[in-house]
Amino acid sequence: MRFKDVFSIMGPIMIGPSSSHTAGAVRIGRVARQALADDPRLAEIVFYGSFAETYEGHGTNLALLGGLLGFDTDDLRIRESFAIAAQAGLAYAFTKGKGAAPHPNTAVVRLTSASRQIEIVGCSIGGGNIEIVQVDGFQVKFTGAYPALLITHQDRRGLLAQITQTLSQAGSNIVSMQVERKSRMGDAMSVIETDHPLPGAVIEEVSRITNVHVVTKIDLLAEVSK
């Protein structure tokens, strides 16, 4: 990743000793919560590499749990994430993973709500920056630097054209788009990053397209509740 300024290295305003081990972990947690699009009831987090070796000392567990609760990197409540999670009815478990990982600071986050489950693989790559490299088994790559849509759908001819046309008619400019499918004409996921957040009405319109299953919005720049 190419860093554009000194803040990309130093990291954002944050709680905790390390931009990689705390701020990045918060952002991975926030992406996972937004991708679930529901209040998580169970969180299973597996740390790899440096995360696995130092997560307790650096507060990575507190930070990632804070992100799952919807906190931003500078939220003082991160220090009390364990207690707040218990009050919110969020059960959680942290374990150390073995074997190869995409990055030394990698977390696998499995979330369960009353109606949904999701698995996110995220990497903290320095300066509080992250990369999400897998969602529910689909190989993807996005950073949260731009608002994004995660769209699960069937692999059908003309479907992507319908989606992009809908966004174009709404005046949205697409920054990047990637598509991963598990088989020809089978399950697929598209990740579309845009310059600006999309209104709920546009997301609803995309979700109504035939053979689109689930549409979730990722927006780390959205204001969080304090």
C-alpha atoms as a PDB file:
ATOM      1  CA  MET A   1       0.000   0.000   0.000  1.00  0.00           C
ATOM      2  CA  ARG A   2       1.315   3.483  -0.853  1.00  0.00           C
ATOM      3  CA  PHE A   3       1.061   5.963   2.037  1.00  0.00           C
ATOM      4  CA  LYS A   4      -0.075   9.411   0.934  1.00  0.00           C
ATOM      5  CA  ASP A   5       0.848  11.430   4.016  1.00  0.00           C
ATOM      6  CA  VAL A   6       2.371  11.223   7.494  1.00  0.00           C
ATOM      7  CA  PHE A   7      -1.037  10.486   9.035  1.00  0.00           C
ATOM      8  CA  SER A   8      -1.208   7.275   7.014  1.00  0.00           C
ATOM      9  CA  ILE A   9       1.815   6.108   9.012  1.00  0.00           C
ATOM     10  CA  MET A  10       1.073   7.643  12.426  1.00  0.00           C
ATOM     11  CA  GLY A  11      -2.543   6.619  12.374  1.00  0.00           C
ATOM     12  CA  PRO A  12      -5.760   8.360  13.401  1.00  0.00           C
ATOM     13  CA  ILE A  13      -6.711   9.884  16.738  1.00  0.00           C
ATOM     14  CA  MET A  14      -7.122   6.789  18.824  1.00  0.00           C
ATOM     15  CA  ILE A  15      -7.292   5.003  22.139  1.00  0.00           C
ATOM     16  CA  GLY A  16      -4.437   2.597  22.707  1.00  0.00           C
ATOM     17  CA  PRO A  17      -0.697   2.256  22.185  1.00  0.00           C
ATOM     18  CA  SER A  18      -0.524   1.148  18.551  1.00  0.00           C
ATOM     19  CA  SER A  19      -2.150   2.273  15.343  1.00  0.00           C
ATOM     20  CA  SER A  20      -1.732  -1.212  13.882  1.00  0.00           C
ATOM     21  CA  HIS A  21      -2.785  -3.215  16.912  1.00  0.00           C
ATOM     22  CA  THR A  22      -5.561  -0.974  18.207  1.00  0.00           C
ATOM     23  CA  ALA A  23      -6.863   1.524  15.622  1.00  0.00           C
ATOM     24  CA  GLY A  24      -6.663  -1.036  12.826  1.00  0.00           C
ATOM     25  CA  ALA A  25      -8.385  -3.621  15.002  1.00  0.00           C
ATOM     26  CA  VAL A  26     -11.220  -1.194  15.774  1.00  0.00           C
ATOM     27  CA  ARG A  27     -11.785  -0.648  12.073  1.00  0.00           C
ATOM     28  CA  ILE A  28     -11.813  -4.373  11.298  1.00  0.00           C
ATOM     29  CA  GLY A  29     -14.452  -4.768  13.993  1.00  0.00           C
ATOM     30  CA  ARG A  30     -16.552  -1.899  12.619  1.00  0.00           C
ATOM     31  CA  VAL A  31     -16.465  -3.369   9.102  1.00  0.00           C
ATOM     32  CA  ALA A  32     -17.562  -6.746  10.459  1.00  0.00           C
ATOM     33  CA  ARG A  33     -20.459  -5.180  12.381  1.00  0.00           C
ATOM     34  CA  GLN A  34     -21.605  -3.189   9.347  1.00  0.00           C
ATOM     35  CA  ALA A  35     -21.315  -6.242   7.099  1.00  0.00           C
ATOM     36  CA  LEU A  36     -23.520  -8.204   9.513  1.00  0.00           C
ATOM     37  CA  ALA A  37     -26.074  -5.353   9.351  1.00  0.00           C
ATOM     38  CA  ASP A  38     -27.471  -6.429  12.702  1.00  0.00           C
ATOM     39  CA  ASP A  39     -26.559  -6.422  16.380  1.00  0.00           C
ATOM     40  CA  PRO A  40     -24.097  -9.277  16.931  1.00  0.00           C
ATOM     41  CA  ARG A  41     -24.912 -11.752  19.692  1.00  0.00           C
ATOM     42  CA  LEU A  42     -21.836 -13.967  19.372  1.00  0.00           C
ATOM     43  CA  ALA A  43     -18.358 -12.998  18.197  1.00  0.00           C
ATOM     44  CA  GLU A  44     -15.614 -15.537  17.600  1.00  0.00           C
ATOM     45  CA  ILE A  45     -12.289 -13.842  16.876  1.00  0.00           C
ATOM     46  CA  VAL A  46      -9.154 -15.701  15.800  1.00  0.00           C
ATOM     47  CA  PHE A  47      -5.888 -13.727  15.836  1.00  0.00           C
ATOM     48  CA  TYR A  48      -2.898 -14.632  13.678  1.00  0.00           C
ATOM     49  CA  GLY A  49       0.748 -13.626  13.631  1.00  0.00           C
ATOM     50  CA  SER A  50       1.711 -10.563  15.621  1.00  0.00           C
ATOM     51  CA  PHE A  51      -1.914 -10.069  16.633  1.00  0.00           C
ATOM     52  CA  ALA A  52      -1.894 -13.514  18.234  1.00  0.00           C
ATOM     53  CA  GLU A  53       1.347 -12.874  20.120  1.00  0.00           C
ATOM     54  CA  THR A  54       0.578  -9.425  21.524  1.00  0.00           C
ATOM     55  CA  TYR A  55      -3.210  -8.892  21.477  1.00  0.00           C
ATOM     56  CA  GLU A  56      -3.599  -8.800  25.254  1.00  0.00           C
ATOM     57  CA  GLY A  57      -0.699  -6.420  25.908  1.00  0.00           C
ATOM     58  CA  HIS A  58      -1.650  -4.050  23.103  1.00  0.00           C
ATOM     59  CA  GLY A  59      -5.366  -4.177  23.820  1.00  0.00           C
ATOM     60  CA  THR A  60      -6.175  -5.568  20.387  1.00  0.00           C
ATOM     61  CA  ASN A  61      -8.946  -7.658  21.923  1.00  0.00           C
ATOM     62  CA  LEU A  62     -10.501  -4.591  23.549  1.00  0.00           C
ATOM     63  CA  ALA A  63     -10.127  -2.615  20.323  1.00  0.00           C
ATOM     64  CA  LEU A  64     -11.670  -5.179  17.994  1.00  0.00           C
ATOM     65  CA  LEU A  65     -14.524  -5.792  20.420  1.00  0.00           C
ATOM     66  CA  GLY A  66     -15.054  -2.020  20.596  1.00  0.00           C
ATOM     67  CA  GLY A  67     -15.360  -1.933  16.816  1.00  0.00           C
ATOM     68  CA  LEU A  68     -17.945  -4.701  16.986  1.00  0.00           C
ATOM     69  CA  LEU A  69     -19.876  -2.521  19.421  1.00  0.00           C
ATOM     70  CA  GLY A  70     -19.786   0.318  16.883  1.00  0.00           C
ATOM     71  CA  PHE A  71     -17.106   2.469  18.550  1.00  0.00           C
ATOM     72  CA  ASP A  72     -14.681   4.611  16.549  1.00  0.00           C
ATOM     73  CA  THR A  73     -10.918   4.658  17.065  1.00  0.00           C
ATOM     74  CA  ASP A  74     -10.979   7.577  19.536  1.00  0.00           C
ATOM     75  CA  ASP A  75     -13.896   6.372  21.667  1.00  0.00           C
ATOM     76  CA  LEU A  76     -12.974   6.229  25.364  1.00  0.00           C
ATOM     77  CA  ARG A  77     -15.459   3.387  25.822  1.00  0.00           C
ATOM     78  CA  ILE A  78     -12.983   1.043  24.098  1.00  0.00           C
ATOM     79  CA  ARG A  79     -11.265   0.654  27.470  1.00  0.00           C
ATOM     80  CA  GLU A  80     -14.488  -0.820  28.868  1.00  0.00           C
ATOM     81  CA  SER A  81     -15.359  -2.993  25.875  1.00  0.00           C
ATOM     82  CA  PHE A  82     -15.555  -6.213  27.871  1.00  0.00           C
ATOM     83  CA  ALA A  83     -18.055  -4.818  30.359  1.00  0.00           C
ATOM     84  CA  ILE A  84     -20.096  -3.006  27.696  1.00  0.00           C
ATOM     85  CA  ALA A  85     -20.264  -6.150  25.563  1.00  0.00           C
ATOM     86  CA  ALA A  86     -21.610  -8.087  28.528  1.00  0.00           C
ATOM     87  CA  GLN A  87     -24.256  -5.421  29.152  1.00  0.00           C
ATOM     88  CA  ALA A  88     -25.226  -5.523  25.466  1.00  0.00           C
ATOM     89  CA  GLY A  89     -25.615  -9.300  25.495  1.00  0.00           C
ATOM     90  CA  LEU A  90     -22.653  -9.865  23.172  1.00  0.00           C
ATOM     91  CA  ALA A  91     -20.796 -13.091  23.964  1.00  0.00           C
ATOM     92  CA  TYR A  92     -17.250 -13.299  22.617  1.00  0.00           C
ATOM     93  CA  ALA A  93     -14.193 -15.523  22.483  1.00  0.00           C
ATOM     94  CA  PHE A  94     -10.609 -14.848  21.420  1.00  0.00           C
ATOM     95  CA  THR A  95      -8.283 -17.597  20.204  1.00  0.00           C
ATOM     96  CA  LYS A  96      -4.892 -17.842  18.540  1.00  0.00           C
ATOM     97  CA  GLY A  97      -4.812 -19.203  15.018  1.00  0.00           C
ATOM     98  CA  LYS A  98      -2.093 -21.425  13.601  1.00  0.00           C
ATOM     99  CA  GLY A  99      -0.650 -21.572  10.138  1.00  0.00           C
ATOM    100  CA  ALA A 100      -0.237 -19.044   7.357  1.00  0.00           C
ATOM    101  CA  ALA A 101      -2.181 -15.781   7.261  1.00  0.00           C
ATOM    102  CA  PRO A 102      -2.465 -13.036   4.627  1.00  0.00           C
ATOM    103  CA  HIS A 103      -0.616 -10.553   6.891  1.00  0.00           C
ATOM    104  CA  PRO A 104       1.192 -10.605  10.272  1.00  0.00           C
ATOM    105  CA  ASN A 105      -1.717  -8.634  11.779  1.00  0.00           C
ATOM    106  CA  THR A 106      -4.699 -10.725  10.698  1.00  0.00           C
ATOM    107  CA  ALA A 107      -8.021 -11.363  12.413  1.00  0.00           C
ATOM    108  CA  VAL A 108     -10.790 -13.730  11.420  1.00  0.00           C
ATOM    109  CA  VAL A 109     -14.104 -12.469  12.791  1.00  0.00           C
ATOM    110  CA  ARG A 110     -17.172 -14.719  12.849  1.00  0.00           C
ATOM    111  CA  LEU A 111     -20.357 -12.965  13.918  1.00  0.00           C
ATOM    112  CA  THR A 112     -23.781 -14.343  14.683  1.00  0.00           C
ATOM    113  CA  SER A 113     -26.946 -12.308  15.228  1.00  0.00           C
ATOM    114  CA  ALA A 114     -30.528 -13.381  15.764  1.00  0.00           C
ATOM    115  CA  SER A 115     -30.972 -13.854  12.017  1.00  0.00           C
ATOM    116  CA  ARG A 116     -27.585 -13.767  10.271  1.00  0.00           C
ATOM    117  CA  GLN A 117     -24.027 -15.050  10.300  1.00  0.00           C
ATOM    118  CA  ILE A 118     -20.955 -13.629   8.613  1.00  0.00           C
ATOM    119  CA  GLU A 119     -17.212 -14.251   8.509  1.00  0.00           C
ATOM    120  CA  ILE A 120     -14.708 -11.479   7.780  1.00  0.00           C
ATOM    121  CA  VAL A 121     -10.945 -11.775   7.361  1.00  0.00           C
ATOM    122  CA  GLY A 122      -9.207  -8.446   7.948  1.00  0.00           C
ATOM    123  CA  CYS A 123      -5.609  -7.279   8.102  1.00  0.00           C
ATOM    124  CA  SER A 124      -4.201  -4.230   9.883  1.00  0.00           C
ATOM    125  CA  ILE A 125      -1.495  -3.001   7.525  1.00  0.00           C
ATOM    126  CA  GLY A 126      -0.086  -0.001   9.420  1.00  0.00           C
ATOM    127  CA  GLY A 127      -1.063   3.480  10.451  1.00  0.00           C
ATOM    128  CA  GLY A 128      -4.571   2.343  11.378  1.00  0.00           C
ATOM    129  CA  ASN A 129      -5.196   1.284   7.777  1.00  0.00           C
ATOM    130  CA  ILE A 130      -6.859  -2.034   7.044  1.00  0.00           C
ATOM    131  CA  GLU A 131      -7.597  -4.415   4.215  1.00  0.00           C
ATOM    132  CA  ILE A 132     -10.554  -6.758   4.203  1.00  0.00           C
ATOM    133  CA  VAL A 133      -9.443  -9.770   2.179  1.00  0.00           C
ATOM    134  CA  GLN A 134     -12.285 -12.239   2.599  1.00  0.00           C
ATOM    135  CA  VAL A 135     -16.036 -12.120   3.252  1.00  0.00           C
ATOM    136  CA  ASP A 136     -17.933 -15.399   3.705  1.00  0.00           C
ATOM    137  CA  GLY A 137     -15.335 -17.296   1.732  1.00  0.00           C
ATOM    138  CA  PHE A 138     -15.245 -14.820  -1.153  1.00  0.00           C
ATOM    139  CA  GLN A 139     -11.787 -13.422  -1.889  1.00  0.00           C
ATOM    140  CA  VAL A 140     -12.130  -9.624  -1.910  1.00  0.00           C
ATOM    141  CA  LYS A 141      -9.997  -6.582  -1.207  1.00  0.00           C
ATOM    142  CA  PHE A 142     -11.210  -3.265   0.126  1.00  0.00           C
ATOM    143  CA  THR A 143      -9.914  -0.856   2.732  1.00  0.00           C
ATOM    144  CA  GLY A 144     -12.853   1.088   4.102  1.00  0.00           C
ATOM    145  CA  ALA A 145     -11.306   4.294   2.779  1.00  0.00           C
ATOM    146  CA  TYR A 146     -14.376   4.721   0.567  1.00  0.00           C
ATOM    147  CA  PRO A 147     -18.029   3.841   1.169  1.00  0.00           C
ATOM    148  CA  ALA A 148     -18.694   0.380  -0.227  1.00  0.00           C
ATOM    149  CA  LEU A 149     -21.523  -1.986  -1.019  1.00  0.00           C
ATOM    150  CA  LEU A 150     -21.184  -5.710  -0.408  1.00  0.00           C
ATOM    151  CA  ILE A 151     -23.619  -7.449  -2.733  1.00  0.00           C
ATOM    152  CA  THR A 152     -24.225 -11.193  -2.652  1.00  0.00           C
ATOM    153  CA  HIS A 153     -26.010 -12.430  -5.756  1.00  0.00           C
ATOM    154  CA  GLN A 154     -26.262 -15.128  -8.352  1.00  0.00           C
ATOM    155  CA  ASP A 155     -23.858 -15.077 -11.258  1.00  0.00           C
ATOM    156  CA  ARG A 156     -26.228 -14.097 -14.055  1.00  0.00           C
ATOM    157  CA  ARG A 157     -25.686 -12.410 -17.417  1.00  0.00           C
ATOM    158  CA  GLY A 158     -26.532  -8.700 -17.324  1.00  0.00           C
ATOM    159  CA  LEU A 159     -26.878  -8.477 -13.539  1.00  0.00           C
ATOM    160  CA  LEU A 160     -23.800  -6.320 -13.012  1.00  0.00           C
ATOM    161  CA  ALA A 161     -24.974  -3.982 -15.770  1.00  0.00           C
ATOM    162  CA  GLN A 162     -28.260  -3.536 -13.919  1.00  0.00           C
ATOM    163  CA  ILE A 163     -26.449  -2.736 -10.685  1.00  0.00           C
ATOM    164  CA  THR A 164     -24.068  -0.212 -12.222  1.00  0.00           C
ATOM    165  CA  GLN A 165     -26.873   1.408 -14.195  1.00  0.00           C
ATOM    166  CA  THR A 166     -28.850   1.854 -10.981  1.00  0.00           C
ATOM    167  CA  LEU A 167     -25.878   3.545  -9.313  1.00  0.00           C
ATOM    168  CA  SER A 168     -25.239   5.712 -12.370  1.00  0.00           C
ATOM    169  CA  GLN A 169     -28.840   6.902 -12.477  1.00  0.00           C
ATOM    170  CA  ALA A 170     -28.498   7.859  -8.815  1.00  0.00           C
ATOM    171  CA  GLY A 171     -25.496  10.051  -9.687  1.00  0.00           C
ATOM    172  CA  SER A 172     -22.983   7.805  -7.951  1.00  0.00           C
ATOM    173  CA  ASN A 173     -19.401   7.567  -9.192  1.00  0.00           C
ATOM    174  CA  ILE A 174     -17.827   4.117  -8.823  1.00  0.00           C
ATOM    175  CA  VAL A 175     -14.254   4.149  -7.525  1.00  0.00           C
ATOM    176  CA  SER A 176     -13.638   0.435  -7.904  1.00  0.00           C
ATOM    177  CA  MET A 177     -15.554  -2.769  -8.491  1.00  0.00           C
ATOM    178  CA  GLN A 178     -14.592  -6.381  -8.049  1.00  0.00           C
ATOM    179  CA  VAL A 179     -16.529  -9.592  -8.542  1.00  0.00           C
ATOM    180  CA  GLU A 180     -15.785 -13.021  -7.085  1.00  0.00           C
ATOM    181  CA  ARG A 181     -17.856 -16.077  -7.869  1.00  0.00           C
ATOM    182  CA  LYS A 182     -17.739 -19.577  -6.409  1.00  0.00           C
ATOM    183  CA  SER A 183     -18.872 -21.223  -9.633  1.00  0.00           C
ATOM    184  CA  ARG A 184     -20.238 -20.343 -13.040  1.00  0.00           C
ATOM    185  CA  MET A 185     -23.866 -19.270 -12.648  1.00  0.00           C
ATOM    186  CA  GLY A 186     -23.528 -19.909  -8.912  1.00  0.00           C
ATOM    187  CA  ASP A 187     -23.092 -17.720  -5.831  1.00  0.00           C
ATOM    188  CA  ALA A 188     -21.136 -14.488  -6.276  1.00  0.00           C
ATOM    189  CA  MET A 189     -20.149 -11.368  -4.388  1.00  0.00           C
ATOM    190  CA  SER A 190     -19.525  -7.904  -5.778  1.00  0.00           C
ATOM    191  CA  VAL A 191     -17.771  -5.161  -3.839  1.00  0.00           C
ATOM    192  CA  ILE A 192     -18.420  -1.676  -5.189  1.00  0.00           C
ATOM    193  CA  GLU A 193     -16.656   1.366  -3.735  1.00  0.00           C
ATOM    194  CA  THR A 194     -18.111   4.805  -4.442  1.00  0.00           C
ATOM    195  CA  ASP A 195     -16.974   8.386  -3.971  1.00  0.00           C
ATOM    196  CA  HIS A 196     -19.892   9.199  -1.692  1.00  0.00           C
ATOM    197  CA  PRO A 197     -22.254   7.218   0.548  1.00  0.00           C
ATOM    198  CA  LEU A 198     -25.346   5.948  -1.202  1.00  0.00           C
ATOM    199  CA  PRO A 199     -28.808   6.892   0.080  1.00  0.00           C
ATOM    200  CA  GLY A 200     -30.870   4.114   1.581  1.00  0.00           C
ATOM    201  CA  ALA A 201     -33.374   4.362  -1.277  1.00  0.00           C
ATOM    202  CA  VAL A 202     -30.663   3.490  -3.809  1.00  0.00           C
ATOM    203  CA  ILE A 203     -29.498   0.529  -1.756  1.00  0.00           C
ATOM    204  CA  GLU A 204     -33.091  -0.660  -1.552  1.00  0.00           C
ATOM    205  CA  GLU A 205     -33.399  -0.374  -5.325  1.00  0.00           C
ATOM    206  CA  VAL A 206     -30.268  -2.477  -5.825  1.00  0.00           C
ATOM    207  CA  SER A 207     -31.567  -5.082  -3.375  1.00  0.00           C
ATOM    208  CA  ARG A 208     -34.767  -5.447  -5.428  1.00  0.00           C
ATOM    209  CA  ILE A 209     -32.905  -6.446  -8.588  1.00  0.00           C
ATOM    210  CA  THR A 210     -33.678 -10.045  -9.528  1.00  0.00           C
ATOM    211  CA  ASN A 211     -31.004 -12.526  -8.323  1.00  0.00           C
ATOM    212  CA  VAL A 212     -29.560 -10.056  -5.798  1.00  0.00           C
ATOM    213  CA  HIS A 213     -29.696 -11.667  -2.355  1.00  0.00           C
ATOM    214  CA  VAL A 214     -28.204  -9.312   0.226  1.00  0.00           C
ATOM    215  CA  VAL A 215     -26.859  -5.747   0.004  1.00  0.00           C
ATOM    216  CA  THR A 216     -24.943  -4.249   2.936  1.00  0.00           C
ATOM    217  CA  LYS A 217     -23.283  -0.874   3.221  1.00  0.00           C
ATOM    218  CA  ILE A 218     -19.799  -0.301   4.638  1.00  0.00           C
ATOM    219  CA  ASP A 219     -19.024   3.270   5.618  1.00  0.00           C
ATOM    220  CA  LEU A 220     -16.284   3.834   8.201  1.00  0.00           C
ATOM    221  CA  LEU A 221     -16.630   7.600   7.775  1.00  0.00           C
ATOM    222  CA  ALA A 222     -20.233   7.548   8.951  1.00  0.00           C
ATOM    223  CA  GLU A 223     -20.850   9.268  12.255  1.00  0.00           C
ATOM    224  CA  VAL A 224     -20.987   6.848  15.176  1.00  0.00           C
ATOM    225  CA  SER A 225     -23.137   7.191  18.277  1.00  0.00           C
ATOM    226  CA  LYS A 226     -21.377   8.389  21.388  1.00  0.00           C
END
